[in-house]
Amino acid sequence: MESAKASAKAPEFTLDRPLASAAAAIRSVLFSPRTFYLNFSEDGPMKEPAVFVMLVTAVTAILRLALTLIFGSHDALSAGVSVVEALVFVLLSPVIVAVLAGAYLLSIRTFVGKVGDFRGVYRMLAYAYGAMILFWVPILNAFAFTYTTLVLMTLGIRYVYRTSLMMALVSALMAYVPAAIIFIFLQVFVSGLAFG
């Protein structure tokens, strides 16, 4: 029984089964993040988590775009701007996660110690980003961002690097503040690109 637990792997996104593996990863990270991060491997590939981020962002952008087109203004210019904004956000999403992962890596190295590398932190944040599937819901978007960047990353840091809850929380909180500022800046930047 113990060896079965030790050999269990966290469900990750794969290109050969994109929808099923994305659903499994999102379900696992949302509903059992402790188990997900206890069985998480830092040393996996980078391509799949980056594509996972783009897929989550694309689904969120499509749903948000549908809301905008249904409940927003009905002129062609507004619709076109919304489409451009959604496309830019989808294309930039892996870069946004990379910038945020850099902030988390700096915080982890400062407060937890010389553990982890950019690859591991990027992968950890990319799968936490699965919670952003809720970002399209107007009232839940701030909650989804905070849940992803503070709650899930605290759990990830705690269980992947086997540190105390307090140290994980401090590390995540110190990265959360610049991450939130970076995220707000990037949201304004993407909106600026869309509006010209």
Protein backbone atom coordinates (compact mmCIF):
# COMPACT_ATOMS: atom_id res chain seq x y z
CA MET A 1 0.00 0.00 0.00
CA GLU A 2 2.80 2.40 0.90
CA SER A 3 4.65 1.71 -2.37
CA ALA A 4 1.49 2.50 -4.34
CA LYS A 5 1.34 5.90 -2.67
CA ALA A 6 5.02 6.54 -3.29
CA SER A 7 4.77 5.68 -7.00
CA ALA A 8 1.60 7.74 -7.62
CA LYS A 9 2.08 10.71 -9.95
CA ALA A 10 0.09 13.88 -10.13
CA PRO A 11 -2.10 13.94 -13.25
CA GLU A 12 -0.48 16.20 -15.83
CA PHE A 13 -1.51 17.59 -19.17
CA THR A 14 -0.45 15.56 -22.21
CA LEU A 15 -0.60 16.47 -25.87
CA ASP A 16 -1.88 13.04 -26.92
CA ARG A 17 -5.02 13.40 -24.73
CA PRO A 18 -5.40 17.17 -24.33
CA LEU A 19 -8.99 17.51 -23.11
CA ALA A 20 -9.05 14.46 -20.83
CA SER A 21 -5.64 15.20 -19.31
CA ALA A 22 -6.45 18.92 -18.86
CA ALA A 23 -9.70 18.02 -17.09
CA ALA A 24 -7.87 15.52 -14.85
CA ALA A 25 -5.16 18.06 -13.96
CA ILE A 26 -7.69 20.82 -13.23
CA ARG A 27 -9.87 18.50 -11.17
CA SER A 28 -6.88 17.28 -9.17
CA VAL A 29 -5.35 20.69 -8.50
CA LEU A 30 -8.72 22.25 -7.60
CA PHE A 31 -10.23 19.48 -5.48
CA SER A 32 -7.19 17.74 -3.99
CA PRO A 33 -4.24 20.13 -4.22
CA ARG A 34 -2.40 18.50 -1.32
CA THR A 35 -2.33 15.13 -3.07
CA PHE A 36 -1.52 16.77 -6.41
CA TYR A 37 1.53 18.60 -5.05
CA LEU A 38 2.71 15.72 -2.86
CA ASN A 39 2.91 13.60 -6.03
CA PHE A 40 4.14 16.43 -8.28
CA SER A 41 7.40 16.14 -10.21
CA GLU A 42 9.40 19.31 -10.72
CA ASP A 43 11.54 17.70 -13.38
CA GLY A 44 8.96 17.21 -16.09
CA PRO A 45 8.70 18.84 -19.50
CA MET A 46 8.02 22.55 -20.03
CA LYS A 47 6.08 22.29 -23.30
CA GLU A 48 3.00 20.58 -21.87
CA PRO A 49 2.50 23.01 -18.95
CA ALA A 50 2.88 25.96 -21.36
CA VAL A 51 0.27 24.48 -23.72
CA PHE A 52 -1.93 23.74 -20.68
CA VAL A 53 -1.75 27.42 -19.70
CA MET A 54 -2.71 28.43 -23.24
CA LEU A 55 -5.60 25.95 -23.28
CA VAL A 56 -6.98 27.18 -19.94
CA THR A 57 -6.59 30.78 -21.12
CA ALA A 58 -8.28 29.98 -24.45
CA VAL A 59 -11.30 28.38 -22.76
CA THR A 60 -11.53 31.29 -20.34
CA ALA A 61 -11.15 33.83 -23.16
CA ILE A 62 -13.85 32.16 -25.26
CA LEU A 63 -16.30 32.09 -22.36
CA ARG A 64 -15.49 35.68 -21.40
CA LEU A 65 -15.82 36.74 -25.03
CA ALA A 66 -19.23 35.05 -25.20
CA LEU A 67 -20.33 37.01 -22.12
CA THR A 68 -19.05 40.24 -23.63
CA LEU A 69 -20.83 39.63 -26.92
CA ILE A 70 -24.08 38.58 -25.23
CA PHE A 71 -24.26 41.24 -22.53
CA GLY A 72 -21.91 43.95 -23.80
CA SER A 73 -22.29 46.47 -26.54
CA HIS A 74 -23.34 45.04 -29.86
CA ASP A 75 -21.26 47.06 -32.31
CA ALA A 76 -18.66 45.46 -34.56
CA LEU A 77 -15.76 47.56 -33.25
CA SER A 78 -16.30 46.46 -29.64
CA ALA A 79 -16.60 42.84 -30.73
CA GLY A 80 -13.42 43.09 -32.78
CA VAL A 81 -11.52 44.67 -29.91
CA SER A 82 -12.72 41.93 -27.57
CA VAL A 83 -11.56 39.24 -30.00
CA VAL A 84 -8.11 40.85 -30.39
CA GLU A 85 -7.77 41.24 -26.63
CA ALA A 86 -8.66 37.56 -26.12
CA LEU A 87 -6.16 36.40 -28.75
CA VAL A 88 -3.34 38.52 -27.32
CA PHE A 89 -4.05 37.26 -23.81
CA VAL A 90 -4.02 33.63 -24.98
CA LEU A 91 -0.74 34.09 -26.84
CA LEU A 92 0.93 35.93 -23.95
CA SER A 93 -0.34 33.64 -21.18
CA PRO A 94 2.75 31.34 -21.06
CA VAL A 95 4.97 34.43 -20.90
CA ILE A 96 2.84 35.91 -18.11
CA VAL A 97 3.16 32.67 -16.14
CA ALA A 98 6.94 32.72 -16.77
CA VAL A 99 7.24 36.24 -15.37
CA LEU A 100 5.16 35.29 -12.32
CA ALA A 101 7.21 32.09 -11.87
CA GLY A 102 10.34 34.25 -11.70
CA ALA A 103 8.81 36.22 -8.83
CA TYR A 104 7.93 32.99 -7.01
CA LEU A 105 11.39 31.51 -7.58
CA LEU A 106 13.03 34.59 -6.08
CA SER A 107 10.72 34.41 -3.06
CA ILE A 108 11.23 30.66 -2.60
CA ARG A 109 15.00 31.05 -2.78
CA THR A 110 14.84 33.90 -0.26
CA PHE A 111 12.57 32.30 2.33
CA VAL A 112 12.73 28.52 1.84
CA GLY A 113 16.36 28.20 0.78
CA LYS A 114 18.29 27.07 -2.26
CA VAL A 115 15.62 24.66 -3.46
CA GLY A 116 13.91 24.40 -6.78
CA ASP A 117 14.64 25.91 -10.15
CA PHE A 118 12.74 27.91 -12.73
CA ARG A 119 11.45 24.77 -14.48
CA GLY A 120 9.92 23.37 -11.30
CA VAL A 121 8.34 26.64 -10.22
CA TYR A 122 6.99 27.29 -13.73
CA ARG A 123 5.45 23.81 -13.81
CA MET A 124 3.98 24.26 -10.31
CA LEU A 125 2.44 27.62 -11.21
CA ALA A 126 1.25 26.40 -14.63
CA TYR A 127 -0.83 23.64 -13.03
CA ALA A 128 -2.07 26.00 -10.29
CA TYR A 129 -3.14 28.21 -13.21
CA GLY A 130 -5.79 25.58 -13.91
CA ALA A 131 -7.94 27.41 -11.34
CA MET A 132 -8.00 30.34 -13.75
CA ILE A 133 -10.60 28.36 -15.69
CA LEU A 134 -13.00 30.33 -13.43
CA PHE A 135 -11.51 33.69 -14.48
CA TRP A 136 -14.25 34.36 -17.03
CA VAL A 137 -16.94 34.63 -14.34
CA PRO A 138 -17.07 38.36 -13.43
CA ILE A 139 -17.44 37.94 -9.66
CA LEU A 140 -15.06 34.97 -9.41
CA ASN A 141 -12.12 36.37 -11.38
CA ALA A 142 -10.39 38.05 -8.41
CA PHE A 143 -11.03 34.93 -6.34
CA ALA A 144 -9.58 32.70 -9.08
CA PHE A 145 -6.42 34.82 -9.30
CA THR A 146 -5.94 34.83 -5.51
CA TYR A 147 -6.71 31.13 -5.21
CA THR A 148 -4.18 30.37 -7.95
CA THR A 149 -1.37 32.66 -6.88
CA LEU A 150 -1.73 32.54 -3.11
CA VAL A 151 -3.60 29.45 -1.91
CA LEU A 152 -2.48 26.87 -4.49
CA MET A 153 1.07 28.21 -4.62
CA THR A 154 1.29 28.10 -0.80
CA LEU A 155 0.25 24.45 -0.92
CA GLY A 156 2.60 23.78 -3.82
CA ILE A 157 5.59 25.33 -2.07
CA ARG A 158 4.77 23.52 1.16
CA TYR A 159 4.41 20.04 -0.33
CA VAL A 160 6.88 20.15 -3.21
CA TYR A 161 9.69 21.64 -1.11
CA ARG A 162 8.58 19.96 2.15
CA THR A 163 8.63 23.17 4.18
CA SER A 164 6.41 24.46 6.97
CA LEU A 165 3.06 26.03 6.24
CA MET A 166 4.27 29.35 7.66
CA MET A 167 7.38 29.43 5.45
CA ALA A 168 5.31 28.42 2.40
CA LEU A 169 2.74 31.13 3.16
CA VAL A 170 5.40 33.81 3.61
CA SER A 171 7.07 32.75 0.34
CA ALA A 172 3.79 32.74 -1.57
CA LEU A 173 2.65 36.04 -0.04
CA MET A 174 5.91 37.80 -0.86
CA ALA A 175 5.57 36.66 -4.47
CA TYR A 176 1.81 37.30 -4.57
CA VAL A 177 2.15 41.06 -4.14
CA PRO A 178 4.49 41.60 -7.11
CA ALA A 179 2.59 38.92 -9.04
CA ALA A 180 -0.66 40.84 -8.55
CA ILE A 181 1.02 44.08 -9.63
CA ILE A 182 2.57 42.38 -12.69
CA PHE A 183 -0.76 40.77 -13.54
CA ILE A 184 -2.62 44.08 -13.29
CA PHE A 185 0.05 45.77 -15.42
CA LEU A 186 -0.17 43.02 -18.04
CA GLN A 187 -3.98 43.23 -18.07
CA VAL A 188 -3.73 46.97 -18.75
CA PHE A 189 -1.02 46.34 -21.38
CA VAL A 190 -3.12 43.73 -23.20
CA SER A 191 -6.14 46.03 -23.07
CA GLY A 192 -3.95 48.82 -24.47
CA LEU A 193 -2.83 46.59 -27.35
CA ALA A 194 -6.42 45.75 -28.13
CA PHE A 195 -7.61 49.36 -28.00
CA GLY A 196 -4.63 50.75 -29.89
